[in-house]
Amino acid sequence: LAGLRAAERLREGGASVRVLEARDRVGGRTLLQDIGGVSFDLGAQWIGPTQDRMIALIERLGLTTHRQHTAGRKVLDVRGQVSTYKRSIPSLGPLHLVELERTMRRVDALTARIDPDDPLADPEAVAWDAQTVETYKHTILSQTVRGLVDAMVRVVFGSEASELSLLYFLYYLRLGGGLRRLVESEDGAQQDVLVGGMGQIAPLLAAELGEAVSLSQPVRAVRQDDHGVTVVTDAQTHRAQRVVVAIPPALCGRLAWDPLLPSARDQLSQRMPMASTIKCIAIYDRPFWREAGFSGEVVCDGLPLAVTFDDCSPDGRHFALLGFAVGKGGRQLGALPLAQRRGLVLDRFARWFGEAARSPLAYGDFDWSAEEFTRGCPIGVMQPGAFAMAGATLKAAVGRVHWAGTESADVWTGFMEGALQSGERAAAEVLAAL
């Protein structure tokens, strides 16, 4: 989405563009795939309030959205104890609930101190960057609330709390409108789903660009000189005045650069690894969880699944449950063959929704860490110390090379909205330089 939006804006500005796509499809971390004869989003899926670029793009393309199903009891599985609740805040004991509210207020207060344009401006920013979210988590008194934090970090970042810089955590929350907005469905980032799937969008954008888009052209080398840039793929060599690189930082380090990238930018590729996510979907002949009064939503601090959603079609023709194995759970599940993955996922669905969950019509999952040209999802995450050392290089052009991709966004980093915004920013940089 970042590269296609950049190309669109460059063409509108009068530039000649060529999009080099490594895969045999466009879309990056959006993907529609068939499971049991039905198309499902196995990549990015939701949008929500304030994601204005995505909302406008969907309207422009003539597509429609529907609300994520949330009616019914939600399930909380923390420290091995299963309970249900109906509101957005889990039903906890009084002391746990007080500690949860205290933790959320403290995180909100720290998030508000982050300057989106200069994340290191706060006097404590470097100290925050030197510690992990795991370290901060141990200031929380309740073990149950710590479990909720683990689940939240896994779902939002695809990582463990021990793998993530506290500064990057706060910065990410700041760009997305705060913790509550990132984790909620109603009035949050998981509010709306596209009818037919988000995987439709990139092919429609590519169709508008026509022959400017070249598939199956993985870039291997980028060479700059005083007069332009040479981009080398497996099949061709291209020459341009400027280049927009719209891939995650971790993958940028796998290209051959001449001259070499500045050391700080190269460090970014080493200190911002891709997170781990497997998206798991089971299709059923009826929505038995709805019939039993459940919404299909689960939050769990155990493994392998951290969260589930109802993934039924809005027309009532297809019924499915969706689960995310993320962070440690994603790595654990990804090491197993499909049959074992299926068994573990269905075991968890049955724990929360009953024995009917063990007998789906079809099951499928997608391991983003096994994708050659992504190597993880939903984002690249900064390790402790990375922001202070190399955060400034996320967006800073290197000669004739400009950076896009959701990791480099100024708003909603990690989301489709951020991908679009990053493409617009990179295109504006190029047009100003031409």
Protein backbone atom coordinates (compact mmCIF):
# COMPACT_ATOMS: atom_id res chain seq x y z
CA LEU A 1 0.00 0.00 0.00
CA ALA A 2 2.85 2.40 0.78
CA GLY A 3 4.56 1.88 -2.56
CA LEU A 4 1.36 2.03 -4.57
CA ARG A 5 0.25 5.24 -2.82
CA ALA A 6 3.68 6.79 -3.43
CA ALA A 7 3.50 5.87 -7.14
CA GLU A 8 -0.02 7.26 -7.39
CA ARG A 9 0.99 10.60 -5.87
CA LEU A 10 4.18 10.81 -7.95
CA ARG A 11 2.24 10.26 -11.15
CA GLU A 12 -0.29 12.90 -10.10
CA GLY A 13 2.67 15.25 -9.60
CA GLY A 14 3.89 14.69 -13.15
CA ALA A 15 6.62 12.14 -12.52
CA SER A 16 7.17 8.95 -14.50
CA VAL A 17 7.04 5.93 -12.18
CA ARG A 18 7.85 2.25 -12.13
CA VAL A 19 6.73 -0.02 -9.27
CA LEU A 20 8.95 -3.05 -8.73
CA GLU A 21 7.10 -5.72 -6.72
CA ALA A 22 9.05 -8.72 -5.46
CA ARG A 23 6.05 -11.03 -5.20
CA ASP A 24 3.79 -12.33 -7.95
CA ARG A 25 1.03 -10.22 -6.37
CA VAL A 26 0.65 -6.73 -4.97
CA GLY A 27 -0.53 -6.06 -1.44
CA GLY A 28 2.39 -6.66 0.91
CA ARG A 29 0.93 -7.42 4.34
CA THR A 30 -2.62 -7.47 2.98
CA LEU A 31 -3.69 -10.80 1.51
CA LEU A 32 -6.90 -12.50 0.43
CA GLN A 33 -6.66 -16.27 0.40
CA ASP A 34 -9.12 -19.11 -0.16
CA ILE A 35 -10.02 -21.40 2.75
CA GLY A 36 -12.67 -24.01 2.11
CA GLY A 37 -13.89 -22.17 -0.97
CA VAL A 38 -14.25 -18.83 0.84
CA SER A 39 -11.92 -15.81 0.61
CA PHE A 40 -10.56 -14.50 3.90
CA ASP A 41 -8.20 -11.70 4.85
CA LEU A 42 -5.07 -13.42 6.12
CA GLY A 43 -3.25 -10.13 6.48
CA ALA A 44 -4.40 -6.67 7.59
CA GLN A 45 -8.15 -6.65 8.12
CA TRP A 46 -9.58 -3.77 10.19
CA ILE A 47 -9.89 -0.01 10.09
CA GLY A 48 -11.31 2.41 12.64
CA PRO A 49 -12.01 6.06 13.49
CA THR A 50 -9.40 8.69 12.50
CA GLN A 51 -7.99 6.44 9.77
CA ASP A 52 -9.22 8.98 7.26
CA ARG A 53 -7.02 8.02 4.32
CA MET A 54 -8.24 4.43 4.37
CA ILE A 55 -11.84 5.52 4.77
CA ALA A 56 -11.54 7.90 1.81
CA LEU A 57 -9.76 5.30 -0.33
CA ILE A 58 -12.42 2.68 0.32
CA GLU A 59 -15.11 5.18 -0.65
CA ARG A 60 -13.18 6.16 -3.80
CA LEU A 61 -12.88 2.53 -4.87
CA GLY A 62 -16.62 2.00 -4.42
CA LEU A 63 -16.21 -0.53 -1.60
CA THR A 64 -18.16 -0.78 1.65
CA THR A 65 -17.45 -1.71 5.26
CA HIS A 66 -19.40 -3.38 8.04
CA ARG A 67 -18.95 -3.35 11.81
CA GLN A 68 -16.90 -6.05 13.47
CA HIS A 69 -19.27 -8.35 15.35
CA THR A 70 -19.01 -7.69 19.10
CA ALA A 71 -22.48 -8.52 20.46
CA GLY A 72 -22.49 -11.07 23.28
CA ARG A 73 -20.25 -12.23 26.12
CA LYS A 74 -16.49 -11.88 25.72
CA VAL A 75 -14.03 -14.41 27.17
CA LEU A 76 -11.05 -13.64 29.39
CA ASP A 77 -8.48 -16.40 29.93
CA VAL A 78 -5.75 -15.17 32.27
CA ARG A 79 -3.48 -17.25 34.50
CA GLY A 80 -5.45 -20.34 33.51
CA GLN A 81 -8.79 -18.99 34.71
CA VAL A 82 -11.62 -18.51 32.19
CA SER A 83 -14.32 -15.89 32.79
CA THR A 84 -16.73 -13.86 30.68
CA TYR A 85 -17.69 -10.20 30.53
CA LYS A 86 -19.86 -7.94 28.39
CA ARG A 87 -18.27 -4.49 28.49
CA SER A 88 -14.98 -3.37 26.98
CA ILE A 89 -13.20 -3.71 30.34
CA PRO A 90 -12.80 -7.32 31.54
CA SER A 91 -14.64 -8.42 34.67
CA LEU A 92 -11.93 -8.60 37.32
CA GLY A 93 -11.92 -8.64 41.07
CA PRO A 94 -12.04 -5.18 42.67
CA LEU A 95 -8.31 -5.00 43.42
CA HIS A 96 -7.34 -6.22 39.95
CA LEU A 97 -9.75 -3.75 38.35
CA VAL A 98 -8.28 -0.86 40.34
CA GLU A 99 -4.78 -1.91 39.27
CA LEU A 100 -5.88 -2.21 35.62
CA GLU A 101 -7.33 1.31 35.65
CA ARG A 102 -4.20 2.61 37.39
CA THR A 103 -1.96 0.96 34.79
CA MET A 104 -3.95 2.33 31.86
CA ARG A 105 -3.91 5.85 33.32
CA ARG A 106 -0.14 5.66 33.84
CA VAL A 107 0.43 4.43 30.28
CA ASP A 108 -1.85 7.15 28.92
CA ALA A 109 0.07 9.80 30.88
CA LEU A 110 3.43 8.57 29.57
CA THR A 111 2.06 8.33 26.02
CA ALA A 112 0.88 11.94 26.17
CA ARG A 113 4.47 13.03 26.90
CA ILE A 114 5.73 11.67 23.58
CA ASP A 115 6.26 14.30 20.89
CA PRO A 116 5.39 12.52 17.60
CA ASP A 117 7.86 14.73 15.72
CA ASP A 118 10.67 14.31 18.25
CA PRO A 119 10.20 11.17 20.38
CA LEU A 120 13.52 11.73 22.14
CA ALA A 121 12.58 15.22 23.37
CA ASP A 122 11.32 14.10 26.76
CA PRO A 123 14.07 14.14 29.41
CA GLU A 124 13.31 10.51 30.25
CA ALA A 125 13.07 9.27 26.65
CA VAL A 126 16.56 7.76 26.50
CA ALA A 127 15.94 5.97 29.80
CA TRP A 128 12.63 4.62 28.47
CA ASP A 129 14.44 3.42 25.35
CA ALA A 130 17.01 1.59 27.47
CA GLN A 131 14.36 -0.61 29.12
CA THR A 132 11.83 -3.09 27.84
CA VAL A 133 8.09 -3.13 28.34
CA GLU A 134 8.77 -6.24 30.45
CA THR A 135 10.80 -4.14 32.88
CA TYR A 136 8.01 -1.59 33.11
CA LYS A 137 5.44 -4.36 33.49
CA HIS A 138 7.01 -5.36 36.79
CA THR A 139 5.86 -2.06 38.30
CA ILE A 140 2.33 -3.52 38.03
CA LEU A 141 1.28 -5.13 41.30
CA SER A 142 -1.38 -7.53 39.97
CA GLN A 143 -0.21 -10.71 38.22
CA THR A 144 -3.57 -10.80 36.41
CA VAL A 145 -3.07 -7.30 35.01
CA ARG A 146 0.46 -8.27 33.97
CA GLY A 147 -1.11 -11.12 32.01
CA LEU A 148 -3.45 -8.69 30.28
CA VAL A 149 -0.47 -6.51 29.34
CA ASP A 150 1.30 -9.56 27.88
CA ALA A 151 -1.76 -10.34 25.74
CA MET A 152 -2.10 -6.74 24.60
CA VAL A 153 1.57 -6.40 23.62
CA ARG A 154 1.45 -9.67 21.69
CA VAL A 155 -1.65 -8.69 19.76
CA VAL A 156 -0.66 -5.10 18.95
CA PHE A 157 3.04 -5.68 18.30
CA GLY A 158 3.31 -9.41 17.51
CA SER A 159 6.09 -9.51 20.10
CA GLU A 160 6.79 -10.26 23.73
CA ALA A 161 7.06 -7.46 26.29
CA SER A 162 10.70 -8.48 26.80
CA GLU A 163 11.52 -7.76 23.13
CA LEU A 164 10.21 -4.22 22.88
CA SER A 165 11.68 -0.83 23.80
CA LEU A 166 9.40 1.04 26.20
CA LEU A 167 10.00 4.25 24.22
CA TYR A 168 8.95 2.59 20.97
CA PHE A 169 5.90 1.16 22.73
CA LEU A 170 4.83 4.63 23.88
CA TYR A 171 5.63 6.22 20.50
CA TYR A 172 3.55 3.62 18.69
CA LEU A 173 0.61 4.19 21.04
CA ARG A 174 0.93 7.96 20.53
CA LEU A 175 0.72 7.68 16.74
CA GLY A 176 -2.35 5.44 17.00
CA GLY A 177 -4.32 7.60 19.40
CA GLY A 178 -3.55 5.79 22.64
CA LEU A 179 -3.78 2.36 24.20
CA ARG A 180 -7.55 2.08 24.30
CA ARG A 181 -7.99 2.98 20.66
CA LEU A 182 -5.44 0.38 19.59
CA VAL A 183 -6.99 -2.51 21.51
CA GLU A 184 -10.72 -1.78 21.20
CA SER A 185 -13.20 -2.83 18.52
CA GLU A 186 -15.97 -0.31 19.13
CA ASP A 187 -14.55 3.17 18.43
CA GLY A 188 -11.15 1.52 18.06
CA ALA A 189 -8.73 0.14 15.50
CA GLN A 190 -10.75 -3.08 15.04
CA GLN A 191 -14.13 -1.38 14.48
CA ASP A 192 -14.79 -1.96 10.77
CA VAL A 193 -14.16 -4.71 8.22
CA LEU A 194 -14.24 -4.37 4.44
CA VAL A 195 -16.93 -6.34 2.65
CA GLY A 196 -15.01 -8.76 0.43
CA GLY A 197 -11.74 -8.22 2.30
CA MET A 198 -8.98 -5.61 2.58
CA GLY A 199 -6.95 -7.70 0.17
CA GLN A 200 -9.00 -6.19 -2.66
CA ILE A 201 -7.52 -2.72 -2.28
CA ALA A 202 -3.96 -3.13 -3.53
CA PRO A 203 -4.94 -4.92 -6.78
CA LEU A 204 -7.42 -2.13 -7.52
CA LEU A 205 -4.72 0.50 -6.97
CA ALA A 206 -2.29 -1.47 -9.12
CA ALA A 207 -4.87 -1.70 -11.91
CA GLU A 208 -5.11 2.10 -11.95
CA LEU A 209 -1.32 2.30 -12.38
CA GLY A 210 -1.45 -0.25 -15.21
CA GLU A 211 1.84 -1.18 -16.86
CA ALA A 212 3.81 0.90 -14.37
CA VAL A 213 3.59 -2.07 -11.98
CA SER A 214 6.00 -4.96 -12.57
CA LEU A 215 5.48 -8.18 -10.60
CA SER A 216 8.04 -10.85 -9.65
CA GLN A 217 10.86 -8.28 -9.67
CA PRO A 218 12.66 -8.62 -6.32
CA VAL A 219 15.25 -5.86 -5.98
CA ARG A 220 18.72 -7.11 -5.10
CA ALA A 221 20.90 -3.98 -5.33
CA VAL A 222 20.58 -0.19 -5.27
CA ARG A 223 23.45 1.93 -6.60
CA GLN A 224 23.58 5.71 -6.35
CA ASP A 225 25.76 8.18 -8.24
CA ASP A 226 25.76 11.91 -8.92
CA HIS A 227 23.27 11.56 -11.77
CA GLY A 228 20.72 9.04 -10.54
CA VAL A 229 20.00 5.60 -9.10
CA THR A 230 20.40 2.14 -10.60
CA VAL A 231 18.06 -0.54 -9.28
CA VAL A 232 18.96 -4.16 -10.04
CA THR A 233 16.42 -7.00 -9.97
CA ASP A 234 16.84 -10.66 -10.90
CA ALA A 235 15.69 -9.95 -14.42
CA GLN A 236 16.36 -6.30 -15.22
CA THR A 237 18.26 -3.14 -14.40
CA HIS A 238 16.33 0.12 -14.00
CA ARG A 239 17.55 3.70 -13.98
CA ALA A 240 15.78 6.55 -12.18
CA GLN A 241 16.31 9.99 -10.69
CA ARG A 242 14.94 8.97 -7.29
CA VAL A 243 13.85 5.77 -5.54
CA VAL A 244 11.22 5.12 -2.86
CA VAL A 245 11.98 1.97 -0.85
CA ALA A 246 8.71 0.69 0.62
CA ILE A 247 9.77 -2.42 2.52
CA PRO A 248 10.30 -3.03 6.26
CA PRO A 249 13.63 -1.83 7.70
CA ALA A 250 14.75 -5.40 8.44
CA LEU A 251 14.52 -6.28 4.75
CA CYS A 252 16.37 -3.13 3.67
CA GLY A 253 19.49 -4.59 5.24
CA ARG A 254 19.31 -7.56 2.85
CA LEU A 255 19.83 -5.41 -0.24
CA ALA A 256 23.25 -4.61 -1.66
CA TRP A 257 23.88 -0.86 -1.35
CA ASP A 258 26.50 1.15 -3.25
CA PRO A 259 27.60 3.29 -1.59
CA LEU A 260 26.86 1.59 1.73
CA LEU A 261 24.04 2.97 3.82
CA PRO A 262 25.08 5.17 6.75
CA SER A 263 25.94 3.04 9.76
CA ALA A 264 22.95 4.25 11.81
CA ARG A 265 20.53 3.28 9.04
CA ASP A 266 22.18 -0.12 8.74
CA GLN A 267 21.90 -0.54 12.51
CA LEU A 268 18.17 0.10 12.19
CA SER A 269 17.83 -2.91 9.91
CA GLN A 270 19.55 -5.03 12.57
CA ARG A 271 17.69 -3.64 15.59
CA MET A 272 14.16 -3.55 14.20
CA PRO A 273 13.30 -7.21 13.49
CA MET A 274 9.92 -8.26 12.18
CA ALA A 275 7.37 -9.50 14.69
CA SER A 276 5.79 -12.97 14.60
CA THR A 277 2.16 -13.55 13.62
CA ILE A 278 0.16 -16.53 12.41
CA LYS A 279 -3.46 -15.85 11.51
CA CYS A 280 -5.67 -18.91 12.02
CA ILE A 281 -9.21 -19.37 10.66
CA ALA A 282 -11.73 -22.17 11.21
CA ILE A 283 -14.96 -22.30 9.16
CA TYR A 284 -18.15 -23.85 10.57
CA ASP A 285 -21.60 -24.77 9.34
CA ARG A 286 -23.23 -22.47 11.89
CA PRO A 287 -22.17 -19.74 14.38
CA PHE A 288 -22.60 -21.89 17.48
CA TRP A 289 -20.73 -19.36 19.65
CA ARG A 290 -23.27 -16.67 18.78
CA GLU A 291 -26.08 -19.10 19.50
CA ALA A 292 -24.57 -19.63 22.97
CA GLY A 293 -24.41 -15.88 23.57
CA PHE A 294 -20.69 -15.31 22.87
CA SER A 295 -19.30 -12.50 20.74
CA GLY A 296 -16.37 -14.65 19.55
CA GLU A 297 -13.87 -12.35 21.26
CA VAL A 298 -11.22 -13.82 23.57
CA VAL A 299 -8.23 -12.29 25.32
CA CYS A 300 -5.72 -14.83 26.63
CA ASP A 301 -2.29 -14.54 28.23
CA GLY A 302 -1.42 -18.16 27.39
CA LEU A 303 -0.13 -19.83 24.26
CA PRO A 304 -0.47 -20.23 21.39
CA LEU A 305 -3.46 -17.90 20.78
CA ALA A 306 -3.58 -14.45 22.33
CA VAL A 307 -6.87 -13.22 20.90
CA THR A 308 -9.82 -14.38 18.80
CA PHE A 309 -12.58 -12.67 16.83
CA ASP A 310 -15.80 -13.59 15.09
CA ASP A 311 -14.99 -13.66 11.35
CA CYS A 312 -18.44 -14.39 9.90
CA SER A 313 -19.45 -12.80 6.60
CA PRO A 314 -21.95 -9.93 6.87
CA ASP A 315 -24.37 -11.67 4.49
CA GLY A 316 -24.77 -14.61 6.88
CA ARG A 317 -23.46 -17.17 4.38
CA HIS A 318 -20.15 -18.08 6.01
CA PHE A 319 -19.32 -18.62 9.70
CA ALA A 320 -15.79 -18.53 11.05
CA LEU A 321 -13.62 -17.96 14.09
CA LEU A 322 -10.32 -16.15 13.75
CA GLY A 323 -7.38 -16.53 16.12
CA PHE A 324 -3.96 -14.86 16.31
CA ALA A 325 -0.82 -16.70 17.40
CA VAL A 326 1.65 -13.89 18.00
CA GLY A 327 5.05 -13.36 19.57
CA LYS A 328 6.20 -16.50 21.35
CA GLY A 329 2.94 -18.23 20.41
CA GLY A 330 3.51 -17.48 16.72
CA ARG A 331 7.04 -18.86 16.85
CA GLN A 332 5.84 -21.92 18.74
CA LEU A 333 3.04 -22.65 16.28
CA GLY A 334 5.20 -21.89 13.24
CA ALA A 335 7.64 -24.64 14.20
CA LEU A 336 4.89 -27.27 13.86
CA PRO A 337 3.34 -28.95 10.79
CA LEU A 338 -0.11 -27.80 9.71
CA ALA A 339 -1.97 -30.77 11.26
CA GLN A 340 -0.50 -30.05 14.70
CA ARG A 341 -1.14 -26.34 14.36
CA ARG A 342 -4.76 -27.10 13.51
CA GLY A 343 -5.15 -29.34 16.54
CA LEU A 344 -3.71 -26.79 18.97
CA VAL A 345 -5.85 -23.95 17.59
CA LEU A 346 -9.06 -25.99 17.69
CA ASP A 347 -8.25 -27.08 21.24
CA ARG A 348 -8.20 -23.43 22.28
CA PHE A 349 -11.42 -22.63 20.41
CA ALA A 350 -13.08 -25.60 22.16
CA ARG A 351 -11.83 -24.42 25.57
CA TRP A 352 -13.60 -21.10 25.05
CA PHE A 353 -16.65 -21.96 22.94
CA GLY A 354 -17.37 -25.67 23.42
CA GLU A 355 -16.76 -29.00 21.69
CA ALA A 356 -18.45 -27.92 18.43
CA ALA A 357 -15.31 -25.90 17.74
CA ARG A 358 -13.33 -29.12 17.16
CA SER A 359 -15.27 -29.96 13.98
CA PRO A 360 -14.81 -27.19 11.41
CA LEU A 361 -15.71 -27.51 7.76
CA ALA A 362 -12.25 -26.20 6.92
CA TYR A 363 -9.18 -24.80 8.63
CA GLY A 364 -6.37 -22.63 7.31
CA ASP A 365 -3.61 -20.41 8.67
CA PHE A 366 -0.88 -18.13 7.38
CA ASP A 367 2.56 -17.74 8.94
CA TRP A 368 3.90 -14.30 7.99
CA SER A 369 7.37 -15.12 9.33
CA ALA A 370 7.70 -17.72 6.58
CA GLU A 371 7.08 -15.12 3.85
CA GLU A 372 10.36 -14.35 2.06
CA PHE A 373 9.50 -10.74 1.30
CA THR A 374 7.95 -9.90 4.68
CA ARG A 375 9.45 -12.26 7.30
CA GLY A 376 6.90 -11.29 9.94
CA CYS A 377 3.84 -9.28 10.90
CA PRO A 378 2.31 -6.90 11.79
CA ILE A 379 5.39 -4.64 12.00
CA GLY A 380 9.06 -4.32 12.67
CA VAL A 381 9.64 -3.59 16.37
CA MET A 382 12.44 -1.57 17.91
CA GLN A 383 14.55 -3.35 20.48
CA PRO A 384 15.92 -1.52 23.54
CA GLY A 385 18.37 1.22 22.55
CA ALA A 386 17.38 1.23 18.89
CA PHE A 387 15.36 4.44 18.97
CA ALA A 388 18.13 6.48 20.57
CA MET A 389 20.72 5.04 18.20
CA ALA A 390 18.87 4.92 14.88
CA GLY A 391 15.27 6.13 15.20
CA ALA A 392 16.02 9.33 13.29
CA THR A 393 16.93 7.29 10.21
CA LEU A 394 13.43 5.79 9.80
CA LYS A 395 12.34 8.66 7.55
CA ALA A 396 15.52 10.54 6.64
CA ALA A 397 16.36 10.22 2.93
CA VAL A 398 19.80 8.88 2.04
CA GLY A 399 20.90 10.75 -1.05
CA ARG A 400 18.40 9.86 -3.76
CA VAL A 401 16.74 7.10 -1.72
CA HIS A 402 13.54 7.83 0.19
CA TRP A 403 11.80 5.57 2.71
CA ALA A 404 8.17 4.50 2.91
CA GLY A 405 6.32 1.65 4.60
CA THR A 406 4.11 1.68 7.66
CA GLU A 407 7.08 1.53 10.05
CA SER A 408 8.06 5.02 8.86
CA ALA A 409 4.60 6.59 9.14
CA ASP A 410 3.86 9.83 11.00
CA VAL A 411 0.42 8.56 12.06
CA TRP A 412 -0.98 5.09 12.70
CA THR A 413 2.36 3.36 12.26
CA GLY A 414 1.86 -0.38 11.87
CA PHE A 415 -1.51 0.03 10.17
CA MET A 416 -2.73 0.42 6.58
CA GLU A 417 -3.45 4.08 7.34
CA GLY A 418 0.22 4.53 8.23
CA ALA A 419 1.30 2.80 5.03
CA LEU A 420 -0.71 5.27 2.92
CA GLN A 421 0.60 8.26 4.84
CA SER A 422 4.20 7.12 4.50
CA GLY A 423 3.77 6.78 0.75
CA GLU A 424 2.38 10.31 0.54
CA ARG A 425 5.28 11.71 2.57
CA ALA A 426 7.90 9.95 0.45
CA ALA A 427 6.24 11.09 -2.78
CA ALA A 428 6.18 14.69 -1.56
CA GLU A 429 9.90 14.47 -0.77
CA VAL A 430 10.68 13.17 -4.26
CA LEU A 431 8.53 15.74 -6.05
CA ALA A 432 10.22 18.52 -4.07
CA ALA A 433 13.63 17.20 -5.12
CA LEU A 434 12.93 16.69 -8.84
